[in-house]
Amino acid sequence: MKIDIVLGELIPTDNRIRVGIGGLRRSGWNIHANVLEKLFDKYKIVAVSDPIEERRKMLREMH
């Protein structure tokens, strides 16, 4: 992420809404992750929580 410094404050220049996904099972993967990918210009997945490393890795590789 690019950051600009304005009057001493760090301001992200990426205006997308940063979101996290809790769980990559049916809803997390098939609904939330896929929809957020289609809306790439508005949302950015910055965090994910899932107990299965393979699912976390798959999402990480998509980015």
PDB file of N, CA and C in Angstrom:
ATOM      1  N   MET A   1       0.839  -1.161   0.000  1.00  0.00           N
ATOM      2  CA  MET A   1       0.000   0.000   0.000  1.00  0.00           C
ATOM      3  C   MET A   1       0.891   1.233   0.000  1.00  0.00           C
ATOM      4  N   LYS A   2       0.564   2.183  -0.828  1.00  0.00           N
ATOM      5  CA  LYS A   2       1.282   3.447  -0.837  1.00  0.00           C
ATOM      6  C   LYS A   2       0.733   4.334   0.264  1.00  0.00           C
ATOM      7  N   ILE A   3       1.609   5.129   0.857  1.00  0.00           N
ATOM      8  CA  ILE A   3       1.182   6.026   1.930  1.00  0.00           C
ATOM      9  C   ILE A   3       1.758   7.404   1.667  1.00  0.00           C
ATOM     10  N   ASP A   4       0.922   8.416   1.786  1.00  0.00           N
ATOM     11  CA  ASP A   4       1.370   9.800   1.692  1.00  0.00           C
ATOM     12  C   ASP A   4       1.406  10.384   3.096  1.00  0.00           C
ATOM     13  N   ILE A   5       2.298  11.330   3.313  1.00  0.00           N
ATOM     14  CA  ILE A   5       2.345  12.019   4.600  1.00  0.00           C
ATOM     15  C   ILE A   5       1.772  13.413   4.393  1.00  0.00           C
ATOM     16  N   VAL A   6       0.672  13.702   5.094  1.00  0.00           N
ATOM     17  CA  VAL A   6       0.009  14.991   4.987  1.00  0.00           C
ATOM     18  C   VAL A   6      -0.063  15.590   6.383  1.00  0.00           C
ATOM     19  N   LEU A   7       0.580  16.724   6.574  1.00  0.00           N
ATOM     20  CA  LEU A   7       0.596  17.404   7.876  1.00  0.00           C
ATOM     21  C   LEU A   7       0.960  16.459   9.009  1.00  0.00           C
ATOM     22  N   GLY A   8       1.951  15.617   8.775  1.00  0.00           N
ATOM     23  CA  GLY A   8       2.431  14.714   9.816  1.00  0.00           C
ATOM     24  C   GLY A   8       1.621  13.446   9.991  1.00  0.00           C
ATOM     25  N   GLU A   9       0.528  13.276   9.242  1.00  0.00           N
ATOM     26  CA  GLU A   9      -0.297  12.073   9.359  1.00  0.00           C
ATOM     27  C   GLU A   9      -0.030  11.151   8.177  1.00  0.00           C
ATOM     28  N   LEU A  10      -0.066   9.844   8.442  1.00  0.00           N
ATOM     29  CA  LEU A  10       0.073   8.864   7.366  1.00  0.00           C
ATOM     30  C   LEU A  10      -1.292   8.644   6.738  1.00  0.00           C
ATOM     31  N   ILE A  11      -1.403   8.878   5.465  1.00  0.00           N
ATOM     32  CA  ILE A  11      -2.674   8.758   4.752  1.00  0.00           C
ATOM     33  C   ILE A  11      -2.526   7.694   3.670  1.00  0.00           C
ATOM     34  N   PRO A  12      -3.281   6.584   3.762  1.00  0.00           N
ATOM     35  CA  PRO A  12      -3.217   5.585   2.689  1.00  0.00           C
ATOM     36  C   PRO A  12      -3.753   6.182   1.390  1.00  0.00           C
ATOM     37  N   THR A  13      -3.045   5.956   0.287  1.00  0.00           N
ATOM     38  CA  THR A  13      -3.512   6.476  -0.996  1.00  0.00           C
ATOM     39  C   THR A  13      -4.421   5.478  -1.713  1.00  0.00           C
ATOM     40  N   ASP A  14      -4.517   4.282  -1.201  1.00  0.00           N
ATOM     41  CA  ASP A  14      -5.428   3.282  -1.747  1.00  0.00           C
ATOM     42  C   ASP A  14      -6.771   3.492  -1.054  1.00  0.00           C
ATOM     43  N   ASN A  15      -7.751   3.987  -1.783  1.00  0.00           N
ATOM     44  CA  ASN A  15      -9.036   4.342  -1.189  1.00  0.00           C
ATOM     45  C   ASN A  15      -9.991   3.168  -1.029  1.00  0.00           C
ATOM     46  N   ARG A  16      -9.548   1.965  -1.369  1.00  0.00           N
ATOM     47  CA  ARG A  16     -10.437   0.817  -1.237  1.00  0.00           C
ATOM     48  C   ARG A  16     -10.686   0.493   0.236  1.00  0.00           C
ATOM     49  N   ILE A  17     -11.835  -0.064   0.516  1.00  0.00           N
ATOM     50  CA  ILE A  17     -12.168  -0.503   1.868  1.00  0.00           C
ATOM     51  C   ILE A  17     -11.425  -1.801   2.135  1.00  0.00           C
ATOM     52  N   ARG A  18     -10.679  -1.845   3.226  1.00  0.00           N
ATOM     53  CA  ARG A  18      -9.900  -3.033   3.587  1.00  0.00           C
ATOM     54  C   ARG A  18     -10.758  -3.934   4.464  1.00  0.00           C
ATOM     55  N   VAL A  19     -10.845  -5.206   4.087  1.00  0.00           N
ATOM     56  CA  VAL A  19     -11.706  -6.152   4.798  1.00  0.00           C
ATOM     57  C   VAL A  19     -10.941  -7.419   5.169  1.00  0.00           C
ATOM     58  N   GLY A  20     -11.467  -8.118   6.151  1.00  0.00           N
ATOM     59  CA  GLY A  20     -10.953  -9.424   6.540  1.00  0.00           C
ATOM     60  C   GLY A  20     -12.078 -10.439   6.445  1.00  0.00           C
ATOM     61  N   ILE A  21     -11.723 -11.682   6.199  1.00  0.00           N
ATOM     62  CA  ILE A  21     -12.709 -12.760   6.091  1.00  0.00           C
ATOM     63  C   ILE A  21     -12.452 -13.741   7.220  1.00  0.00           C
ATOM     64  N   GLY A  22     -13.481 -14.016   8.000  1.00  0.00           N
ATOM     65  CA  GLY A  22     -13.386 -14.980   9.097  1.00  0.00           C
ATOM     66  C   GLY A  22     -13.903 -16.332   8.645  1.00  0.00           C
ATOM     67  N   GLY A  23     -13.001 -17.197   8.230  1.00  0.00           N
ATOM     68  CA  GLY A  23     -13.374 -18.544   7.791  1.00  0.00           C
ATOM     69  C   GLY A  23     -13.523 -18.635   6.287  1.00  0.00           C
ATOM     70  N   LEU A  24     -12.916 -19.662   5.709  1.00  0.00           N
ATOM     71  CA  LEU A  24     -12.973 -19.859   4.258  1.00  0.00           C
ATOM     72  C   LEU A  24     -13.689 -21.152   3.902  1.00  0.00           C
ATOM     73  N   ARG A  25     -14.765 -21.411   4.581  1.00  0.00           N
ATOM     74  CA  ARG A  25     -15.563 -22.576   4.198  1.00  0.00           C
ATOM     75  C   ARG A  25     -16.516 -22.156   3.098  1.00  0.00           C
ATOM     76  N   ARG A  26     -17.704 -22.715   3.070  1.00  0.00           N
ATOM     77  CA  ARG A  26     -18.632 -22.462   1.967  1.00  0.00           C
ATOM     78  C   ARG A  26     -18.941 -20.970   1.782  1.00  0.00           C
ATOM     79  N   SER A  27     -19.426 -20.306   2.803  1.00  0.00           N
ATOM     80  CA  SER A  27     -19.784 -18.885   2.663  1.00  0.00           C
ATOM     81  C   SER A  27     -18.564 -17.993   2.499  1.00  0.00           C
ATOM     82  N   GLY A  28     -17.544 -18.230   3.311  1.00  0.00           N
ATOM     83  CA  GLY A  28     -16.351 -17.386   3.256  1.00  0.00           C
ATOM     84  C   GLY A  28     -15.668 -17.426   1.909  1.00  0.00           C
ATOM     85  N   TRP A  29     -15.570 -18.614   1.350  1.00  0.00           N
ATOM     86  CA  TRP A  29     -14.873 -18.762   0.070  1.00  0.00           C
ATOM     87  C   TRP A  29     -15.795 -18.494  -1.109  1.00  0.00           C
ATOM     88  N   ASN A  30     -16.910 -19.224  -1.180  1.00  0.00           N
ATOM     89  CA  ASN A  30     -17.782 -19.168  -2.353  1.00  0.00           C
ATOM     90  C   ASN A  30     -18.597 -17.890  -2.457  1.00  0.00           C
ATOM     91  N   ILE A  31     -18.819 -17.233  -1.348  1.00  0.00           N
ATOM     92  CA  ILE A  31     -19.608 -15.997  -1.407  1.00  0.00           C
ATOM     93  C   ILE A  31     -18.709 -14.781  -1.193  1.00  0.00           C
ATOM     94  N   HIS A  32     -18.180 -14.640   0.019  1.00  0.00           N
ATOM     95  CA  HIS A  32     -17.468 -13.412   0.380  1.00  0.00           C
ATOM     96  C   HIS A  32     -16.202 -13.182  -0.447  1.00  0.00           C
ATOM     97  N   ALA A  33     -15.304 -14.138  -0.501  1.00  0.00           N
ATOM     98  CA  ALA A  33     -14.043 -13.946  -1.230  1.00  0.00           C
ATOM     99  C   ALA A  33     -14.296 -13.702  -2.718  1.00  0.00           C
ATOM    100  N   ASN A  34     -15.197 -14.456  -3.311  1.00  0.00           N
ATOM    101  CA  ASN A  34     -15.473 -14.294  -4.745  1.00  0.00           C
ATOM    102  C   ASN A  34     -16.111 -12.948  -5.059  1.00  0.00           C
ATOM    103  N   VAL A  35     -17.051 -12.518  -4.234  1.00  0.00           N
ATOM    104  CA  VAL A  35     -17.696 -11.221  -4.470  1.00  0.00           C
ATOM    105  C   VAL A  35     -16.692 -10.085  -4.296  1.00  0.00           C
ATOM    106  N   LEU A  36     -15.870 -10.176  -3.244  1.00  0.00           N
ATOM    107  CA  LEU A  36     -14.882  -9.120  -3.013  1.00  0.00           C
ATOM    108  C   LEU A  36     -13.867  -9.047  -4.145  1.00  0.00           C
ATOM    109  N   GLU A  37     -13.509 -10.179  -4.727  1.00  0.00           N
ATOM    110  CA  GLU A  37     -12.590 -10.182  -5.868  1.00  0.00           C
ATOM    111  C   GLU A  37     -13.215  -9.484  -7.073  1.00  0.00           C
ATOM    112  N   LYS A  38     -14.502  -9.676  -7.274  1.00  0.00           N
ATOM    113  CA  LYS A  38     -15.182  -9.034  -8.402  1.00  0.00           C
ATOM    114  C   LYS A  38     -15.308  -7.526  -8.195  1.00  0.00           C
ATOM    115  N   LEU A  39     -15.316  -7.106  -6.939  1.00  0.00           N
ATOM    116  CA  LEU A  39     -15.421  -5.683  -6.610  1.00  0.00           C
ATOM    117  C   LEU A  39     -14.055  -5.118  -6.221  1.00  0.00           C
ATOM    118  N   PHE A  40     -13.023  -5.575  -6.915  1.00  0.00           N
ATOM    119  CA  PHE A  40     -11.634  -5.232  -6.608  1.00  0.00           C
ATOM    120  C   PHE A  40     -11.393  -3.726  -6.516  1.00  0.00           C
ATOM    121  N   ASP A  41     -12.128  -2.945  -7.307  1.00  0.00           N
ATOM    122  CA  ASP A  41     -11.913  -1.497  -7.298  1.00  0.00           C
ATOM    123  C   ASP A  41     -12.429  -0.830  -6.031  1.00  0.00           C
ATOM    124  N   LYS A  42     -13.274  -1.526  -5.251  1.00  0.00           N
ATOM    125  CA  LYS A  42     -13.840  -0.953  -4.028  1.00  0.00           C
ATOM    126  C   LYS A  42     -13.323  -1.606  -2.747  1.00  0.00           C
ATOM    127  N   TYR A  43     -12.943  -2.885  -2.810  1.00  0.00           N
ATOM    128  CA  TYR A  43     -12.558  -3.633  -1.613  1.00  0.00           C
ATOM    129  C   TYR A  43     -11.215  -4.330  -1.799  1.00  0.00           C
ATOM    130  N   LYS A  44     -10.482  -4.462  -0.695  1.00  0.00           N
ATOM    131  CA  LYS A  44      -9.207  -5.169  -0.700  1.00  0.00           C
ATOM    132  C   LYS A  44      -9.186  -6.119   0.496  1.00  0.00           C
ATOM    133  N   ILE A  45      -8.978  -7.407   0.239  1.00  0.00           N
ATOM    134  CA  ILE A  45      -8.883  -8.390   1.321  1.00  0.00           C
ATOM    135  C   ILE A  45      -7.491  -8.262   1.928  1.00  0.00           C
ATOM    136  N   VAL A  46      -7.437  -7.908   3.207  1.00  0.00           N
ATOM    137  CA  VAL A  46      -6.145  -7.702   3.870  1.00  0.00           C
ATOM    138  C   VAL A  46      -5.889  -8.710   4.982  1.00  0.00           C
ATOM    139  N   ALA A  47      -6.912  -9.480   5.358  1.00  0.00           N
ATOM    140  CA  ALA A  47      -6.736 -10.469   6.426  1.00  0.00           C
ATOM    141  C   ALA A  47      -7.717 -11.611   6.229  1.00  0.00           C
ATOM    142  N   VAL A  48      -7.299 -12.779   6.686  1.00  0.00           N
ATOM    143  CA  VAL A  48      -8.177 -13.941   6.638  1.00  0.00           C
ATOM    144  C   VAL A  48      -7.851 -14.831   7.824  1.00  0.00           C
ATOM    145  N   SER A  49      -8.886 -15.461   8.342  1.00  0.00           N
ATOM    146  CA  SER A  49      -8.701 -16.390   9.453  1.00  0.00           C
ATOM    147  C   SER A  49      -9.349 -17.715   9.068  1.00  0.00           C
ATOM    148  N   ASP A  50      -8.563 -18.772   9.076  1.00  0.00           N
ATOM    149  CA  ASP A  50      -9.079 -20.105   8.788  1.00  0.00           C
ATOM    150  C   ASP A  50      -8.111 -21.115   9.395  1.00  0.00           C
ATOM    151  N   PRO A  51      -8.620 -22.177  10.024  1.00  0.00           N
ATOM    152  CA  PRO A  51      -7.730 -23.143  10.662  1.00  0.00           C
ATOM    153  C   PRO A  51      -6.958 -24.023   9.677  1.00  0.00           C
ATOM    154  N   ILE A  52      -7.393 -24.062   8.423  1.00  0.00           N
ATOM    155  CA  ILE A  52      -6.743 -24.927   7.437  1.00  0.00           C
ATOM    156  C   ILE A  52      -5.801 -24.095   6.569  1.00  0.00           C
ATOM    157  N   GLU A  53      -4.518 -24.400   6.688  1.00  0.00           N
ATOM    158  CA  GLU A  53      -3.487 -23.618   5.999  1.00  0.00           C
ATOM    159  C   GLU A  53      -3.664 -23.625   4.487  1.00  0.00           C
ATOM    160  N   GLU A  54      -4.099 -24.730   3.900  1.00  0.00           N
ATOM    161  CA  GLU A  54      -4.264 -24.813   2.447  1.00  0.00           C
ATOM    162  C   GLU A  54      -5.248 -23.773   1.930  1.00  0.00           C
ATOM    163  N   ARG A  55      -6.341 -23.563   2.656  1.00  0.00           N
ATOM    164  CA  ARG A  55      -7.327 -22.568   2.219  1.00  0.00           C
ATOM    165  C   ARG A  55      -6.747 -21.159   2.316  1.00  0.00           C
ATOM    166  N   ARG A  56      -6.004 -20.881   3.388  1.00  0.00           N
ATOM    167  CA  ARG A  56      -5.371 -19.565   3.521  1.00  0.00           C
ATOM    168  C   ARG A  56      -4.377 -19.344   2.387  1.00  0.00           C
ATOM    169  N   LYS A  57      -3.626 -20.381   2.065  1.00  0.00           N
ATOM    170  CA  LYS A  57      -2.621 -20.289   1.005  1.00  0.00           C
ATOM    171  C   LYS A  57      -3.277 -20.046  -0.355  1.00  0.00           C
ATOM    172  N   MET A  58      -4.391 -20.718  -0.621  1.00  0.00           N
ATOM    173  CA  MET A  58      -5.087 -20.537  -1.899  1.00  0.00           C
ATOM    174  C   MET A  58      -5.524 -19.084  -2.080  1.00  0.00           C
ATOM    175  N   LEU A  59      -6.067 -18.494  -1.023  1.00  0.00           N
ATOM    176  CA  LEU A  59      -6.509 -17.107  -1.129  1.00  0.00           C
ATOM    177  C   LEU A  59      -5.316 -16.174  -1.295  1.00  0.00           C
ATOM    178  N   ARG A  60      -4.246 -16.442  -0.579  1.00  0.00           N
ATOM    179  CA  ARG A  60      -3.038 -15.619  -0.677  1.00  0.00           C
ATOM    180  C   ARG A  60      -2.492 -15.655  -2.109  1.00  0.00           C
ATOM    181  N   GLU A  61      -2.533 -16.817  -2.754  1.00  0.00           N
ATOM    182  CA  GLU A  61      -2.026 -16.949  -4.125  1.00  0.00           C
ATOM    183  C   GLU A  61      -2.899 -16.227  -5.147  1.00  0.00           C
ATOM    184  N   MET A  62      -4.165 -16.017  -4.813  1.00  0.00           N
ATOM    185  CA  MET A  62      -5.052 -15.279  -5.710  1.00  0.00           C
ATOM    186  C   MET A  62      -4.632 -13.816  -5.823  1.00  0.00           C
ATOM    187  N   HIS A  63      -3.974 -13.307  -4.809  1.00  0.00           N
ATOM    188  CA  HIS A  63      -3.593 -11.883  -4.790  1.00  0.00           C
ATOM    189  C   HIS A  63      -2.204 -11.748  -5.295  1.00  0.00           C
TER     190      HIS A  63
END
